[in-house]
Structure formats: structure tokens, C-alpha cells
Amino acid sequence: MNRLLTPLILIIVAVGVFFMFTNPLLTRIDGLKAEIASYDEALVNANKLAEMRDVLSKKKNDIRPEDLDSIEKMVPDTIDNVRLILDLQKIGQDKGLDLRNIRITSKGSRSAKDAIGPESTKYDSVAMGFSVTASYDRFRTLMTAIERSLRLMDVTTISFTAGDKDEYDYNVEIRTYWLK
């Protein structure tokens, strides 16, 4: 009887040890393996990002500083109303015209119906206006200079009234953009 009882007790003890100690330990080991795999994947992604950063950094370093300044002037990453007004006045002065009543008429491009929810655009805009008195030819040269300036600007409205002789009073509205 002792011969049969000893193996039976050992089997019961082995099953008990398996369910009480070995099985929880194996489950914990499987969890740790999954965690290690996620860390390995994160490490691979980090290495890919580092390589991409190095490639992009090299490309950026290959761009001349003058070109980077031009890009910054075209679409700046902040709106500087004073700088924008000064730039417009300089364009007018270069053409021998005095820009008057320079005003910021609105800020932001989101309408009321789009005000709820996340903003999906990567840029924003500001509308501004000014008045100028000039002949048609001089006004055209001013508009050509605005068109050719590095700053990205859309002329949205032009209105005019007849003035003395060959001069007209022009009211111009423009929209300019910046990155968020």
C-alpha cells in the first residue's frame, strides 16, 4: 500500500506546486516577455525616428540661411502685426505712396459654425486693410509690389472713389497667413 500511496501523494504535490507556484510564475513571465517585446518595438521606432531626424537635419543644414529667412518671411510661425504694418508701409514708400488708415480688421480664420471642436488647420490668417491715394498706374505698381513680396498675402477687396485729376482713393483689404 505504501508503494501506491507514495507516487499518488507525489503526483498530488506536483499538481499543487504547478497550480500554486509554477503556473502563476509562467503567467508573469509571459507578461514580462510581452512588455520586453513592446520595449523592443519602441526602441526600433526610436532608432527610426533618430535616423529620420538626422536626415531632416542634414537637409535643413543644406538650405542656405538666406533661403530660410525667405521662408520665414513668406509664412512666419507667429503673427507680428507691427512688423506686417511696417512691411506694408515700406512697400508703399518704395513706390512713393503713403498708406493711410492701416487697420487689422479681424483676427483668426475660424467662423462661428467651425468654432466647436478641434482645430484641424495648421495655419491661421489675419485680414487687414489700408487706404491710398494714387493714379491708376502707381496703384498697379503698388499691387505688383505686394504680389511679389515674400510675405504670402491675398488681396480680398479693392474699392475706389474718384478723386482730383487723375488720382483715386483706393481702399484695399488683404489677408495674410502664419503657421500655428
Protein backbone atom coordinates (compact mmCIF):
# COMPACT_ATOMS: atom_id res chain seq x y z
CA MET A 1 0.00 0.00 0.00
CA ASN A 2 2.89 2.26 0.79
CA ARG A 3 4.16 1.66 -2.71
CA LEU A 4 0.96 3.01 -4.22
CA LEU A 5 0.41 5.81 -1.80
CA THR A 6 3.81 7.44 -2.22
CA PRO A 7 3.51 8.04 -6.00
CA LEU A 8 -0.06 9.25 -5.58
CA ILE A 9 0.98 11.78 -2.92
CA LEU A 10 3.91 12.92 -5.08
CA ILE A 11 1.58 13.44 -8.07
CA ILE A 12 -0.86 15.44 -5.93
CA VAL A 13 2.01 17.56 -4.55
CA ALA A 14 3.37 18.09 -8.09
CA VAL A 15 -0.05 19.22 -9.37
CA GLY A 16 -0.43 21.51 -6.35
CA VAL A 17 3.04 23.02 -6.86
CA PHE A 18 2.25 23.54 -10.55
CA PHE A 19 -1.02 25.39 -9.91
CA MET A 20 0.16 27.28 -6.83
CA PHE A 21 3.68 28.28 -7.87
CA THR A 22 4.71 27.33 -11.42
CA ASN A 23 1.59 28.44 -13.33
CA PRO A 24 1.49 31.99 -11.81
CA LEU A 25 5.22 32.29 -12.44
CA LEU A 26 4.78 31.24 -16.11
CA THR A 27 1.95 33.76 -16.49
CA ARG A 28 4.14 36.51 -15.05
CA ILE A 29 7.00 35.50 -17.37
CA ASP A 30 4.66 35.70 -20.40
CA GLY A 31 3.60 39.21 -19.32
CA LEU A 32 7.23 40.26 -18.96
CA LYS A 33 8.02 38.84 -22.41
CA ALA A 34 5.18 40.90 -23.91
CA GLU A 35 6.47 44.00 -22.09
CA ILE A 36 10.00 43.34 -23.39
CA ALA A 37 8.61 42.98 -26.92
CA SER A 38 6.82 46.34 -26.64
CA TYR A 39 10.04 47.97 -25.38
CA ASP A 40 11.97 46.43 -28.26
CA GLU A 41 9.40 47.81 -30.71
CA ALA A 42 9.64 51.24 -29.07
CA LEU A 43 13.42 51.08 -29.33
CA VAL A 44 13.24 50.21 -33.05
CA ASN A 45 10.82 53.12 -33.61
CA ALA A 46 13.10 55.46 -31.65
CA ASN A 47 16.04 54.43 -33.83
CA LYS A 48 13.99 55.05 -36.99
CA LEU A 49 12.97 58.48 -35.69
CA ALA A 50 16.59 59.30 -34.84
CA GLU A 51 17.65 58.35 -38.38
CA MET A 52 14.82 60.43 -39.86
CA ARG A 53 15.76 63.37 -37.60
CA ASP A 54 19.37 63.14 -38.79
CA VAL A 55 18.30 63.05 -42.45
CA LEU A 56 15.95 66.03 -42.00
CA SER A 57 18.56 67.93 -40.00
CA LYS A 58 21.07 67.38 -42.80
CA LYS A 59 18.53 68.60 -45.36
CA LYS A 60 17.82 71.69 -43.25
CA ASN A 61 21.54 72.38 -42.85
CA ASP A 62 21.91 72.17 -46.64
CA ILE A 63 19.47 75.08 -47.05
CA ARG A 64 21.17 78.44 -47.21
CA PRO A 65 20.40 80.82 -44.31
CA GLU A 66 19.09 83.43 -46.77
CA ASP A 67 16.57 80.91 -48.09
CA LEU A 68 15.47 80.02 -44.56
CA ASP A 69 14.92 83.73 -43.86
CA SER A 70 12.85 83.99 -47.04
CA ILE A 71 10.70 81.03 -45.97
CA GLU A 72 10.22 82.60 -42.54
CA LYS A 73 9.10 85.84 -44.20
CA MET A 74 6.73 84.01 -46.53
CA VAL A 75 4.83 82.11 -43.85
CA PRO A 76 6.00 83.08 -40.36
CA ASP A 77 5.21 80.97 -37.33
CA THR A 78 3.73 83.91 -35.42
CA ILE A 79 1.78 86.94 -36.50
CA ASP A 80 3.52 90.19 -35.74
CA ASN A 81 1.03 92.94 -36.56
CA VAL A 82 3.55 95.73 -36.12
CA ARG A 83 6.07 94.07 -38.46
CA LEU A 84 3.31 93.43 -41.00
CA ILE A 85 2.22 97.08 -40.93
CA LEU A 86 5.83 98.24 -41.25
CA ASP A 87 6.40 95.90 -44.20
CA LEU A 88 3.30 97.27 -45.96
CA GLN A 89 4.35 100.85 -45.30
CA LYS A 90 7.84 100.13 -46.68
CA ILE A 91 6.33 98.69 -49.86
CA GLY A 92 4.22 101.84 -50.21
CA GLN A 93 7.16 104.15 -49.51
CA ASP A 94 9.30 102.32 -52.07
CA LYS A 95 6.60 103.16 -54.64
CA GLY A 96 6.32 106.76 -53.42
CA LEU A 97 2.88 106.24 -51.86
CA ASP A 98 1.63 106.97 -48.38
CA LEU A 99 -0.55 104.19 -46.99
CA ARG A 100 -3.20 105.53 -44.61
CA ASN A 101 -5.71 104.04 -42.21
CA ILE A 102 -3.84 100.75 -41.88
CA ARG A 103 -6.03 98.55 -39.73
CA ILE A 104 -6.32 94.98 -38.58
CA THR A 105 -9.95 94.14 -39.33
CA SER A 106 -10.18 90.60 -37.99
CA LYS A 107 -8.06 88.03 -36.31
CA GLY A 108 -8.34 84.31 -36.98
CA SER A 109 -9.93 82.39 -39.80
CA ARG A 110 -12.42 80.19 -37.92
CA SER A 111 -16.03 81.03 -38.49
CA ALA A 112 -18.73 80.68 -35.84
CA LYS A 113 -20.01 77.41 -37.29
CA ASP A 114 -16.49 75.89 -37.04
CA ALA A 115 -15.87 77.17 -33.51
CA ILE A 116 -16.89 73.90 -31.85
CA GLY A 117 -14.46 71.02 -32.00
CA PRO A 118 -10.75 70.71 -32.56
CA GLU A 119 -8.98 72.97 -34.99
CA SER A 120 -7.62 70.98 -37.92
CA THR A 121 -5.74 73.65 -39.89
CA LYS A 122 -2.04 74.18 -39.45
CA TYR A 123 -2.22 77.86 -40.29
CA ASP A 124 -4.27 80.90 -39.40
CA SER A 125 -4.80 84.25 -41.05
CA VAL A 126 -5.43 87.88 -40.33
CA ALA A 127 -7.25 90.39 -42.50
CA MET A 128 -6.05 93.96 -42.71
CA GLY A 129 -6.86 96.98 -44.78
CA PHE A 130 -5.38 100.28 -45.85
CA SER A 131 -6.21 103.33 -47.92
CA VAL A 132 -4.04 105.04 -50.51
CA THR A 133 -4.47 107.92 -52.94
CA ALA A 134 -2.70 107.37 -56.25
CA SER A 135 -3.06 107.31 -60.00
CA TYR A 136 -4.09 104.03 -61.54
CA ASP A 137 -0.58 103.30 -62.83
CA ARG A 138 1.05 103.95 -59.45
CA PHE A 139 -1.61 101.85 -57.73
CA ARG A 140 -0.86 98.99 -60.12
CA THR A 141 2.85 99.19 -59.27
CA LEU A 142 1.91 99.04 -55.57
CA MET A 143 -0.25 95.95 -56.16
CA THR A 144 2.54 94.35 -58.20
CA ALA A 145 4.99 95.01 -55.35
CA ILE A 146 2.58 93.43 -52.84
CA GLU A 147 2.16 90.48 -55.17
CA ARG A 148 5.91 90.00 -55.47
CA SER A 149 6.71 90.47 -51.80
CA LEU A 150 7.92 87.43 -49.93
CA ARG A 151 5.03 87.65 -47.49
CA LEU A 152 2.10 85.46 -48.56
CA MET A 153 -0.84 87.88 -48.98
CA ASP A 154 -4.18 87.58 -50.76
CA VAL A 155 -5.89 90.76 -51.89
CA THR A 156 -9.53 90.17 -50.97
CA THR A 157 -11.18 93.52 -51.70
CA ILE A 158 -10.35 96.65 -53.68
CA SER A 159 -12.70 99.61 -53.82
CA PHE A 160 -12.07 103.10 -55.10
CA THR A 161 -13.64 106.51 -55.42
CA ALA A 162 -12.81 109.21 -57.93
CA GLY A 163 -10.59 111.97 -56.67
CA ASP A 164 -8.98 115.10 -58.06
CA LYS A 165 -7.47 114.94 -61.54
CA ASP A 166 -6.01 111.52 -62.33
CA GLU A 167 -5.91 110.28 -58.71
CA TYR A 168 -8.29 107.90 -56.98
CA ASP A 169 -8.82 106.95 -53.34
CA TYR A 170 -8.31 103.18 -53.07
CA ASN A 171 -9.36 101.01 -50.13
CA VAL A 172 -7.63 97.62 -50.10
CA GLU A 173 -8.28 94.59 -47.90
CA ILE A 174 -5.69 91.80 -47.74
CA ARG A 175 -5.40 88.51 -45.89
CA THR A 176 -2.05 87.18 -44.73
CA TYR A 177 -1.18 83.86 -43.12
CA TRP A 178 1.06 82.35 -40.44
CA LEU A 179 1.78 78.84 -39.18
CA LYS A 180 0.34 77.77 -35.85
